[in-house]
Amino acid sequence: MIEAPHLSADAHGLLGNLEELIGTGWVRSSGPETIDVVDPSSGHVAGTIPGSTTDDVARAVAAARAGFDSDAWSGLNPSERSRALHRLTDVLAEHAEALAEIGTLEVGSPITLSRGLHAGAPISFFRWFADAALKGPMGGYEESLGLNDVPVLTTSMLFREPVGVVAAISAYNFPLLITSFKVGGALAAGCTAVLMPSPRTPLSAIAFAACAREADLPPGTIQVLVGGAGIGQALTTAPGVDMVTFTGSVEVGRNVMEQASRGLKKVVLELGGKSPNVLLPSADIQTAVGPSVLRFVRNSGQGCGATTRTLVPREWYDEYAAAAKQVIDSLVVGDPWDEKTDLGPVIRGDHRDRVEGYVQRAIDGGGVVLAGGGRPDIGEGFYLNPTLVGGVDNDAEICQEELFGPVGVLLPYDDVDDALRIANGTRFGLNANVWGATDDAIRFARRLKAGTVTVNGGGSDRPDAPWPGAGESGIGVDRGMEGFREFFHIRHVQVPLAGIGR
């Protein structure tokens, strides 16, 4: 039972019938383990839910396997799958405010952010995949390669078919959004899925399971498990799983890849980032500073694509720092249920300690806090003030490690080539932002080691755009048509057109 006074009756309704979510939905635990649901805005336990066991993993995978092998889902034609996913999306949209509330409760995101981040964006992604199920992957479900006359005349066809049972393991920061492009993509392709959320944020996954049940998806289409590393390992090594798609830290991603490799499963990993935000000499400081700050403090910095390293011409350093201080000082840190709040808490107390440790070590090494810093005096909860650190080089720990907190660094550069060297001076390569005259910014963007680059702030998050990563930011692709193609395997069929015997 979840006890949270801010949750509406609708939100409580999505979470209130856990024992019924079996088959299409949550695999209720058969063991004694429980998982605390902690409200990061207060530090209090809002309730407990049963944790999964290894027996539950076997049950979930078996249900997903049966759902796939029986053609209950994989056997639907594209039009039928599309209609079912549109029906699921409609149900999610009906519960949008409740989903936003659940995101605020378990992640700590301000409610004004949650409405987009934990409800609106996931719904738009599910809607896109519902349409993609009808259209098919790039090249189509069936594609002709045409004729080939060496050494004999033949024709070839490519058949793209669902890969099978997908284990989708998500991170705590954007639980339903990550579900939307992992599970949404898998289901659109005709796969069945076993979803395992972070044990820090299980409620969004359980609410999603309730919505899937309400949408009357066939049994075995989607299962949800909740647990820690042992349950994750049981899932990634389960013989009935054909593909593992994971979002999280580099360290855990390595473990997931190693575990999945024992069964030679297909793996997609979306991992960390230490992304640059570059102001070129043709940029305007006053235009760039506000969005630049918001890009590293959004969701209290808990985002893999946060552009936490800001690079400015050396002669602009003091001016930018002063302008950034004005923006940071104007931000409201506090109760995520208050519509005026800009930043809520980070996810846990130990995580806040970890982030503060990075800042303190940077100061001990000669760095300085240019703006913000410390904890707000607002009592309980895991709150941190947004912080901008200067006086460090790009090889400093705080510039090389992903903090997952509202902390950015300011780095000066001497010329554009120096800016490129600093921007690419990381083992990650996920995201970047470039400010300046459009032609200058695009030329610079083409030289960056990053899967995604926004120019002058870019635009809204596009469901049809891929989210690839270079280096230690990942393997494979999430989102968009390129991400959709990850859920298929290809069969090549070649037929001779001449000289065929009886």
Protein backbone atom coordinates (compact mmCIF):
# COMPACT_ATOMS: atom_id res chain seq x y z
CA MET A 1 0.00 0.00 0.00
CA ILE A 2 1.34 3.42 -0.99
CA GLU A 3 0.43 6.24 1.36
CA ALA A 4 1.05 9.60 -0.27
CA PRO A 5 -1.33 12.51 0.44
CA HIS A 6 -0.41 14.32 -2.78
CA LEU A 7 -1.52 11.44 -5.01
CA SER A 8 -4.95 11.70 -6.58
CA ALA A 9 -7.55 8.94 -6.44
CA ASP A 10 -6.62 8.06 -10.00
CA ALA A 11 -2.94 7.60 -9.10
CA HIS A 12 -3.86 5.50 -6.07
CA GLY A 13 -6.13 3.49 -8.33
CA LEU A 14 -3.29 2.64 -10.70
CA LEU A 15 -1.21 1.43 -7.76
CA GLY A 16 -3.94 -0.01 -5.58
CA ASN A 17 -4.62 -3.40 -7.11
CA LEU A 18 -1.14 -4.87 -7.34
CA GLU A 19 -2.32 -8.41 -6.70
CA GLU A 20 -4.39 -8.31 -9.89
CA LEU A 21 -1.52 -7.40 -12.19
CA ILE A 22 -0.51 -10.91 -13.20
CA GLY A 23 -0.22 -12.15 -16.77
CA THR A 24 -0.32 -8.83 -18.57
CA GLY A 25 1.37 -6.68 -16.00
CA TRP A 26 3.23 -7.07 -12.77
CA VAL A 27 4.46 -10.49 -11.66
CA ARG A 28 3.54 -10.43 -7.98
CA SER A 29 6.35 -11.72 -5.80
CA SER A 30 6.23 -15.24 -4.43
CA GLY A 31 8.82 -14.45 -1.75
CA PRO A 32 9.18 -12.45 1.47
CA GLU A 33 11.38 -9.62 0.13
CA THR A 34 9.95 -6.11 0.06
CA ILE A 35 11.15 -2.88 -1.52
CA ASP A 36 10.70 0.48 0.16
CA VAL A 37 9.30 3.28 -1.96
CA VAL A 38 11.06 6.40 -0.64
CA ASP A 39 9.76 9.91 -1.21
CA PRO A 40 12.97 11.90 -1.92
CA SER A 41 11.25 15.18 -1.03
CA SER A 42 10.85 14.06 2.58
CA GLY A 43 13.12 11.04 2.95
CA HIS A 44 10.15 9.10 4.31
CA VAL A 45 9.04 5.67 3.17
CA ALA A 46 5.77 6.12 1.29
CA GLY A 47 5.09 2.40 1.25
CA THR A 48 6.49 -1.00 0.42
CA ILE A 49 5.91 -3.37 -2.45
CA PRO A 50 6.80 -7.06 -2.79
CA GLY A 51 10.17 -7.63 -4.41
CA SER A 52 10.63 -10.21 -7.13
CA THR A 53 12.44 -13.51 -6.66
CA THR A 54 14.41 -15.61 -9.13
CA ASP A 55 11.33 -17.85 -9.39
CA ASP A 56 9.36 -14.78 -10.40
CA VAL A 57 11.94 -14.06 -13.11
CA ALA A 58 11.42 -17.54 -14.49
CA ARG A 59 7.63 -17.05 -14.41
CA ALA A 60 7.84 -13.68 -16.13
CA VAL A 61 10.17 -14.87 -18.87
CA ALA A 62 8.06 -17.99 -19.39
CA ALA A 63 4.93 -15.84 -19.74
CA ALA A 64 6.66 -13.52 -22.22
CA ARG A 65 8.05 -16.53 -24.11
CA ALA A 66 4.61 -18.10 -24.34
CA GLY A 67 3.13 -14.79 -25.42
CA PHE A 68 5.67 -14.55 -28.23
CA ASP A 69 5.75 -18.19 -29.34
CA SER A 70 1.95 -18.52 -29.32
CA ASP A 71 1.61 -15.61 -31.75
CA ALA A 72 -0.78 -13.92 -29.29
CA TRP A 73 1.22 -10.74 -29.87
CA SER A 74 3.90 -11.50 -32.45
CA GLY A 75 1.29 -13.05 -34.74
CA LEU A 76 -0.79 -9.89 -34.94
CA ASN A 77 -0.47 -8.08 -38.22
CA PRO A 78 0.99 -4.55 -38.21
CA SER A 79 -2.44 -2.92 -38.31
CA GLU A 80 -3.62 -4.95 -35.30
CA ARG A 81 -0.47 -4.17 -33.31
CA SER A 82 -0.79 -0.50 -34.17
CA ARG A 83 -4.40 -0.37 -32.99
CA ALA A 84 -3.51 -2.13 -29.74
CA LEU A 85 -0.65 0.29 -29.06
CA HIS A 86 -2.84 3.28 -29.86
CA ARG A 87 -5.35 1.85 -27.39
CA LEU A 88 -2.58 1.60 -24.76
CA THR A 89 -1.49 5.17 -25.55
CA ASP A 90 -5.05 6.39 -25.14
CA VAL A 91 -5.20 4.76 -21.71
CA LEU A 92 -1.91 6.38 -20.70
CA ALA A 93 -3.23 9.75 -21.88
CA GLU A 94 -6.37 9.30 -19.77
CA HIS A 95 -4.14 8.82 -16.73
CA ALA A 96 -1.59 11.52 -17.66
CA GLU A 97 -1.95 13.62 -14.51
CA ALA A 98 -1.78 10.53 -12.31
CA LEU A 99 1.41 9.38 -14.08
CA ALA A 100 2.92 12.84 -13.54
CA GLU A 101 2.06 12.64 -9.83
CA ILE A 102 3.69 9.22 -9.54
CA GLY A 103 6.84 10.61 -11.19
CA THR A 104 6.94 13.46 -8.70
CA LEU A 105 6.45 11.10 -5.76
CA GLU A 106 9.17 8.60 -6.59
CA VAL A 107 11.70 10.65 -8.62
CA GLY A 108 11.22 14.03 -6.90
CA SER A 109 10.79 15.93 -10.16
CA PRO A 110 8.82 19.17 -9.79
CA ILE A 111 5.21 18.56 -10.78
CA THR A 112 5.46 21.16 -13.54
CA LEU A 113 8.34 19.18 -15.06
CA SER A 114 6.71 15.81 -14.39
CA ARG A 115 3.71 16.63 -16.55
CA GLY A 116 6.00 16.70 -19.56
CA LEU A 117 8.85 14.43 -18.50
CA HIS A 118 6.93 11.61 -16.85
CA ALA A 119 3.65 11.82 -18.76
CA GLY A 120 3.52 13.97 -21.90
CA ALA A 121 6.82 12.83 -23.43
CA PRO A 122 6.28 9.10 -22.78
CA ILE A 123 2.79 9.33 -24.26
CA SER A 124 4.15 10.99 -27.41
CA PHE A 125 6.80 8.27 -27.74
CA PHE A 126 4.23 5.48 -27.34
CA ARG A 127 2.07 7.20 -29.94
CA TRP A 128 4.99 7.36 -32.36
CA PHE A 129 5.74 3.66 -31.91
CA ALA A 130 2.06 2.84 -32.41
CA ASP A 131 2.32 4.53 -35.80
CA ALA A 132 5.68 2.85 -36.47
CA ALA A 133 4.13 -0.58 -35.94
CA LEU A 134 1.88 0.09 -38.94
CA LYS A 135 4.59 1.62 -41.14
CA GLY A 136 7.25 -0.93 -40.26
CA PRO A 137 10.99 -0.44 -39.80
CA MET A 138 13.21 1.43 -42.22
CA GLY A 139 13.10 -0.59 -45.42
CA GLY A 140 9.79 -2.16 -44.40
CA TYR A 141 8.91 -5.55 -42.98
CA GLU A 142 9.71 -6.97 -46.41
CA GLU A 143 12.18 -5.41 -48.83
CA SER A 144 13.28 -6.44 -52.31
CA LEU A 145 16.96 -6.16 -53.13
CA GLY A 146 16.15 -6.48 -56.81
CA LEU A 147 18.02 -8.57 -59.37
CA ASN A 148 21.56 -9.85 -59.34
CA ASP A 149 23.08 -11.59 -62.39
CA VAL A 150 26.41 -12.83 -60.99
CA PRO A 151 26.94 -15.70 -61.60
CA VAL A 152 23.27 -16.47 -62.35
CA LEU A 153 20.16 -14.32 -62.39
CA THR A 154 18.63 -14.17 -58.90
CA THR A 155 16.37 -11.99 -56.84
CA SER A 156 16.53 -11.43 -53.08
CA MET A 157 14.13 -10.45 -50.34
CA LEU A 158 14.84 -9.22 -46.82
CA PHE A 159 12.34 -10.17 -44.13
CA ARG A 160 12.50 -8.18 -40.87
CA GLU A 161 11.01 -10.14 -38.01
CA PRO A 162 10.74 -9.47 -34.26
CA VAL A 163 13.79 -10.57 -32.32
CA GLY A 164 11.76 -12.32 -29.61
CA VAL A 165 11.55 -11.74 -25.86
CA VAL A 166 13.11 -8.43 -24.78
CA ALA A 167 14.40 -7.71 -21.28
CA ALA A 168 14.05 -3.94 -20.81
CA ILE A 169 15.96 -2.56 -17.80
CA SER A 170 15.48 1.12 -17.04
CA ALA A 171 17.09 3.80 -14.89
CA TYR A 172 15.44 5.77 -12.09
CA ASN A 173 15.58 9.26 -13.55
CA PHE A 174 13.03 9.01 -16.41
CA PRO A 175 11.28 5.70 -15.64
CA LEU A 176 8.23 5.93 -17.89
CA LEU A 177 10.03 7.77 -20.70
CA ILE A 178 12.67 5.03 -20.88
CA THR A 179 9.88 2.45 -20.83
CA SER A 180 8.22 4.20 -23.76
CA PHE A 181 11.07 3.68 -26.19
CA LYS A 182 12.30 0.33 -24.89
CA VAL A 183 8.98 -1.43 -24.34
CA GLY A 184 7.16 0.71 -26.91
CA GLY A 185 9.72 -0.17 -29.56
CA ALA A 186 9.74 -3.85 -28.63
CA LEU A 187 5.95 -4.17 -28.74
CA ALA A 188 5.70 -2.24 -32.00
CA ALA A 189 8.11 -4.70 -33.59
CA GLY A 190 6.05 -7.68 -32.41
CA CYS A 191 8.30 -8.65 -29.51
CA THR A 192 7.08 -9.35 -25.99
CA ALA A 193 8.85 -7.67 -23.09
CA VAL A 194 9.86 -8.10 -19.47
CA LEU A 195 10.34 -4.67 -17.90
CA MET A 196 12.59 -4.24 -14.87
CA PRO A 197 12.62 -0.69 -13.48
CA SER A 198 15.18 0.66 -11.06
CA PRO A 199 14.25 -0.52 -7.55
CA ARG A 200 14.36 3.17 -6.59
CA THR A 201 11.42 3.96 -8.88
CA PRO A 202 9.15 0.93 -9.28
CA LEU A 203 5.80 2.71 -9.19
CA SER A 204 5.86 4.11 -12.73
CA ALA A 205 6.40 0.59 -14.08
CA ILE A 206 3.57 -0.83 -11.99
CA ALA A 207 1.27 1.99 -13.09
CA PHE A 208 2.26 1.23 -16.68
CA ALA A 209 1.38 -2.43 -16.12
CA ALA A 210 -2.04 -1.35 -14.85
CA CYS A 211 -2.52 0.72 -17.99
CA ALA A 212 -1.48 -2.23 -20.17
CA ARG A 213 -4.05 -4.37 -18.40
CA GLU A 214 -6.72 -1.70 -18.85
CA ALA A 215 -5.85 -1.55 -22.56
CA ASP A 216 -6.50 -5.32 -22.73
CA LEU A 217 -3.15 -6.30 -24.22
CA PRO A 218 -2.87 -10.07 -24.77
CA PRO A 219 -1.48 -12.19 -21.88
CA GLY A 220 2.30 -12.41 -21.85
CA THR A 221 2.80 -9.22 -23.85
CA ILE A 222 4.37 -7.26 -21.00
CA GLN A 223 5.62 -8.40 -17.58
CA VAL A 224 7.14 -6.25 -14.82
CA LEU A 225 9.72 -7.41 -12.27
CA VAL A 226 11.02 -5.34 -9.36
CA GLY A 227 14.32 -6.09 -7.66
CA GLY A 228 18.02 -5.45 -7.32
CA ALA A 229 21.18 -6.69 -9.00
CA GLY A 230 20.47 -10.38 -8.38
CA ILE A 231 17.10 -10.17 -10.11
CA GLY A 232 18.67 -8.23 -12.95
CA GLN A 233 21.30 -10.92 -13.42
CA ALA A 234 18.66 -13.65 -13.39
CA LEU A 235 16.78 -11.75 -16.09
CA THR A 236 19.74 -10.98 -18.35
CA THR A 237 20.96 -14.59 -18.21
CA ALA A 238 17.54 -16.24 -18.57
CA PRO A 239 17.59 -18.66 -21.54
CA GLY A 240 14.18 -17.44 -22.73
CA VAL A 241 15.38 -13.87 -23.26
CA ASP A 242 16.58 -12.98 -26.76
CA MET A 243 17.61 -9.32 -26.30
CA VAL A 244 18.57 -7.04 -23.42
CA THR A 245 18.13 -3.27 -23.63
CA PHE A 246 19.51 -1.34 -20.67
CA THR A 247 19.76 2.29 -19.58
CA GLY A 248 21.96 3.15 -16.62
CA SER A 249 25.52 3.59 -15.45
CA VAL A 250 28.62 2.44 -17.29
CA GLU A 251 29.59 0.08 -14.48
CA VAL A 252 26.24 -1.69 -14.45
CA GLY A 253 26.14 -1.64 -18.25
CA ARG A 254 29.40 -3.59 -18.35
CA ASN A 255 27.88 -6.16 -16.01
CA VAL A 256 24.73 -6.41 -18.12
CA MET A 257 26.77 -6.91 -21.28
CA GLU A 258 28.91 -9.59 -19.66
CA GLN A 259 25.86 -11.42 -18.32
CA ALA A 260 23.98 -11.28 -21.61
CA SER A 261 27.05 -12.44 -23.51
CA ARG A 262 26.82 -15.86 -21.85
CA GLY A 263 23.76 -16.53 -23.95
CA LEU A 264 25.00 -14.47 -26.91
CA LYS A 265 21.96 -12.23 -26.60
CA LYS A 266 21.59 -9.02 -28.53
CA VAL A 267 22.42 -6.04 -26.33
CA VAL A 268 21.59 -2.32 -26.54
CA LEU A 269 23.17 -0.12 -23.88
CA GLU A 270 22.43 3.56 -23.24
CA LEU A 271 24.90 4.66 -20.60
CA GLY A 272 26.41 7.84 -19.21
CA GLY A 273 27.53 11.18 -20.50
CA LYS A 274 29.68 14.18 -19.69
CA SER A 275 28.32 16.39 -22.39
CA PRO A 276 29.73 19.74 -23.52
CA ASN A 277 27.85 23.02 -23.94
CA VAL A 278 30.00 25.20 -26.21
CA LEU A 279 29.64 28.93 -26.73
CA LEU A 280 31.47 29.79 -29.95
CA PRO A 281 32.92 33.30 -30.45
CA SER A 282 29.85 34.14 -32.58
CA ALA A 283 27.45 33.29 -29.72
CA ASP A 284 25.60 35.79 -27.54
CA ILE A 285 26.14 35.24 -23.81
CA GLN A 286 22.81 36.67 -22.68
CA THR A 287 20.89 34.46 -25.11
CA ALA A 288 22.81 31.32 -24.19
CA VAL A 289 23.30 31.54 -20.43
CA GLY A 290 19.75 30.83 -19.22
CA PRO A 291 19.12 27.73 -21.35
CA SER A 292 22.70 26.56 -20.67
CA VAL A 293 22.11 26.54 -16.92
CA LEU A 294 18.72 24.87 -17.23
CA ARG A 295 20.23 22.11 -19.32
CA PHE A 296 22.44 20.90 -16.47
CA VAL A 297 20.02 21.47 -13.58
CA ARG A 298 16.88 19.98 -15.17
CA ASN A 299 15.51 17.14 -13.03
CA SER A 300 18.17 18.19 -10.50
CA GLY A 301 20.86 17.18 -12.98
CA GLN A 302 19.70 13.57 -13.10
CA GLY A 303 19.89 13.09 -16.84
CA CYS A 304 22.48 11.27 -18.92
CA GLY A 305 22.34 13.94 -21.63
CA ALA A 306 22.85 16.90 -19.26
CA THR A 307 25.37 19.31 -20.77
CA THR A 308 27.45 19.77 -17.63
CA ARG A 309 30.68 21.14 -19.15
CA THR A 310 30.25 24.70 -20.44
CA LEU A 311 33.05 26.01 -22.66
CA VAL A 312 33.47 29.76 -23.31
CA PRO A 313 36.19 31.92 -24.90
CA ARG A 314 38.72 32.75 -22.21
CA GLU A 315 37.98 36.46 -22.37
CA TRP A 316 34.27 35.78 -21.68
CA TYR A 317 34.88 33.67 -18.56
CA ASP A 318 34.10 36.28 -15.89
CA GLU A 319 31.15 37.73 -17.78
CA TYR A 320 29.59 34.31 -18.29
CA ALA A 321 30.17 33.34 -14.65
CA ALA A 322 28.42 36.52 -13.47
CA ALA A 323 25.48 35.97 -15.82
CA ALA A 324 25.18 32.31 -14.80
CA LYS A 325 25.16 33.33 -11.13
CA GLN A 326 22.17 35.56 -11.74
CA VAL A 327 20.27 32.68 -13.34
CA ILE A 328 21.24 30.17 -10.65
CA ASP A 329 20.35 32.55 -7.84
CA SER A 330 16.87 32.98 -9.35
CA LEU A 331 16.06 29.25 -9.34
CA VAL A 332 13.72 27.92 -6.68
CA VAL A 333 14.80 24.71 -4.94
CA GLY A 334 12.12 23.10 -2.85
CA ASP A 335 8.92 21.10 -2.55
CA PRO A 336 8.36 19.36 -5.91
CA TRP A 337 4.58 19.59 -5.40
CA ASP A 338 4.79 23.40 -5.41
CA GLU A 339 4.11 24.79 -8.89
CA LYS A 340 6.74 27.49 -8.31
CA THR A 341 9.58 25.02 -7.71
CA ASP A 342 12.32 24.71 -10.34
CA LEU A 343 14.46 21.99 -8.72
CA GLY A 344 13.31 19.19 -6.48
CA PRO A 345 15.50 16.75 -4.54
CA VAL A 346 17.95 14.19 -5.86
CA ILE A 347 16.92 10.59 -5.55
CA ARG A 348 18.54 9.50 -2.24
CA GLY A 349 20.66 10.79 0.61
CA ASP A 350 23.65 8.65 -0.31
CA HIS A 351 23.48 9.98 -3.85
CA ARG A 352 23.46 13.56 -2.56
CA ASP A 353 26.54 12.73 -0.48
CA ARG A 354 28.22 11.33 -3.59
CA VAL A 355 27.56 14.49 -5.61
CA GLU A 356 28.77 16.71 -2.77
CA GLY A 357 31.94 14.61 -2.58
CA TYR A 358 32.81 15.45 -6.18
CA VAL A 359 32.33 19.17 -5.53
CA GLN A 360 34.40 19.10 -2.35
CA ARG A 361 37.26 17.23 -4.02
CA ALA A 362 37.23 19.79 -6.83
CA ILE A 363 37.49 22.61 -4.27
CA ASP A 364 40.24 20.78 -2.41
CA GLY A 365 42.11 20.60 -5.72
CA GLY A 366 41.92 24.34 -6.32
CA GLY A 367 38.49 24.73 -7.85
CA VAL A 368 36.02 27.41 -6.79
CA VAL A 369 32.25 27.61 -6.59
CA LEU A 370 31.24 30.37 -9.01
CA ALA A 371 27.53 30.22 -8.24
CA GLY A 372 25.14 28.37 -5.96
CA GLY A 373 26.43 25.46 -3.95
CA GLY A 374 25.55 23.73 -0.71
CA ARG A 375 22.20 22.54 0.57
CA PRO A 376 19.09 24.70 0.87
CA ASP A 377 17.76 25.20 4.36
CA ILE A 378 14.40 23.53 3.83
CA GLY A 379 14.46 20.67 6.31
CA GLU A 380 13.88 17.10 5.24
CA GLY A 381 14.49 15.63 1.83
CA PHE A 382 17.55 15.14 -0.35
CA TYR A 383 17.93 18.66 -1.72
CA LEU A 384 20.95 20.28 -3.34
CA ASN A 385 21.39 23.80 -4.64
CA PRO A 386 22.44 24.14 -8.29
CA THR A 387 26.18 24.69 -8.47
CA LEU A 388 28.64 26.05 -11.04
CA VAL A 389 32.29 25.19 -10.44
CA GLY A 390 35.29 26.94 -12.01
CA GLY A 391 39.05 26.95 -11.64
CA VAL A 392 39.44 23.36 -12.86
CA ASP A 393 40.96 21.79 -15.96
CA ASN A 394 39.13 19.38 -18.23
CA ASP A 395 41.14 16.45 -16.89
CA ALA A 396 39.82 17.05 -13.36
CA GLU A 397 37.62 14.33 -11.87
CA ILE A 398 34.59 16.61 -11.81
CA CYS A 399 34.95 17.15 -15.57
CA GLN A 400 35.40 13.49 -16.41
CA GLU A 401 32.91 11.66 -14.18
CA GLU A 402 29.12 11.72 -14.48
CA LEU A 403 27.77 13.20 -11.25
CA PHE A 404 24.02 12.96 -11.91
CA GLY A 405 23.40 16.09 -9.86
CA PRO A 406 22.74 19.81 -10.49
CA VAL A 407 26.44 20.60 -10.90
CA GLY A 408 28.15 22.12 -13.93
CA VAL A 409 31.69 23.28 -14.63
CA LEU A 410 32.88 26.33 -16.56
CA LEU A 411 35.92 25.84 -18.79
CA PRO A 412 37.73 28.54 -20.81
CA TYR A 413 39.24 27.90 -24.24
CA ASP A 414 41.71 29.82 -26.41
CA ASP A 415 40.39 29.19 -29.93
CA VAL A 416 37.87 26.97 -31.71
CA ASP A 417 40.33 24.10 -32.13
CA ASP A 418 41.05 24.27 -28.41
CA ALA A 419 37.31 24.19 -27.73
CA LEU A 420 36.97 21.08 -29.88
CA ARG A 421 39.84 19.37 -28.06
CA ILE A 422 38.23 20.07 -24.68
CA ALA A 423 34.72 19.13 -25.82
CA ASN A 424 35.93 15.79 -27.20
CA GLY A 425 38.24 15.21 -24.23
CA THR A 426 36.00 12.66 -22.54
CA ARG A 427 35.45 8.92 -22.69
CA PHE A 428 31.75 9.61 -23.28
CA GLY A 429 30.03 10.81 -26.44
CA LEU A 430 26.29 11.11 -25.89
CA ASN A 431 25.06 14.68 -26.24
CA ALA A 432 26.28 18.23 -26.89
CA ASN A 433 24.98 21.74 -27.44
CA VAL A 434 26.62 24.48 -29.51
CA TRP A 435 25.81 28.20 -29.47
CA GLY A 436 26.81 30.58 -32.25
CA ALA A 437 26.07 31.64 -35.80
CA THR A 438 24.23 28.72 -37.36
CA ASP A 439 26.85 27.93 -40.02
CA ASP A 440 29.66 28.11 -37.44
CA ALA A 441 27.74 25.91 -35.02
CA ILE A 442 26.91 23.25 -37.60
CA ARG A 443 30.54 23.08 -38.76
CA PHE A 444 31.59 22.62 -35.14
CA ALA A 445 28.84 20.06 -34.49
CA ARG A 446 30.08 17.88 -37.34
CA ARG A 447 33.44 17.51 -35.55
CA LEU A 448 32.06 16.63 -32.13
CA LYS A 449 32.18 13.13 -30.66
CA ALA A 450 28.51 12.99 -29.75
CA GLY A 451 25.46 11.03 -30.83
CA THR A 452 23.19 14.07 -30.57
CA VAL A 453 24.09 17.75 -31.02
CA THR A 454 21.64 20.60 -30.58
CA VAL A 455 22.45 23.97 -32.11
CA ASN A 456 21.38 27.12 -30.29
CA GLY A 457 19.16 25.12 -27.96
CA GLY A 458 17.71 22.80 -30.58
CA GLY A 459 14.04 22.07 -30.03
CA SER A 460 11.65 19.65 -28.36
CA ASP A 461 12.47 16.00 -27.77
CA ARG A 462 11.55 14.22 -31.02
CA PRO A 463 10.23 10.65 -30.81
CA ASP A 464 11.38 10.03 -34.39
CA ALA A 465 15.01 10.98 -33.67
CA PRO A 466 17.61 8.40 -32.53
CA TRP A 467 19.58 8.73 -29.29
CA PRO A 468 22.93 7.06 -30.09
CA GLY A 469 26.09 7.21 -28.05
CA ALA A 470 29.80 7.02 -28.81
CA GLY A 471 32.57 5.70 -26.57
CA GLU A 472 31.35 4.68 -23.13
CA SER A 473 27.96 6.28 -23.73
CA GLY A 474 26.59 3.09 -25.17
CA ILE A 475 26.18 0.42 -27.80
CA GLY A 476 23.31 0.36 -30.26
CA VAL A 477 20.55 2.94 -30.49
CA ASP A 478 17.46 3.90 -28.53
CA ARG A 479 14.52 5.85 -29.98
CA GLY A 480 13.42 6.77 -33.46
CA MET A 481 13.50 4.57 -36.53
CA GLU A 482 17.10 3.51 -35.89
CA GLY A 483 16.12 2.44 -32.38
CA PHE A 484 13.04 0.65 -33.72
CA ARG A 485 15.23 -1.42 -36.06
CA GLU A 486 17.14 -2.81 -33.06
CA PHE A 487 14.13 -5.01 -32.21
CA PHE A 488 14.28 -6.97 -35.47
CA HIS A 489 16.43 -9.68 -36.94
CA ILE A 490 16.82 -9.94 -40.70
CA ARG A 491 16.31 -12.99 -42.89
CA HIS A 492 17.71 -12.92 -46.42
CA VAL A 493 15.93 -15.15 -48.97
CA GLN A 494 17.52 -15.52 -52.43
CA VAL A 495 15.76 -17.13 -55.39
CA PRO A 496 17.27 -18.03 -58.81
CA LEU A 497 15.21 -16.90 -61.78
CA ALA A 498 16.86 -19.00 -64.47
CA GLY A 499 18.06 -22.58 -64.86
CA ILE A 500 15.70 -23.94 -62.18
CA GLY A 501 15.19 -27.69 -62.42
CA ARG A 502 12.00 -29.51 -61.58
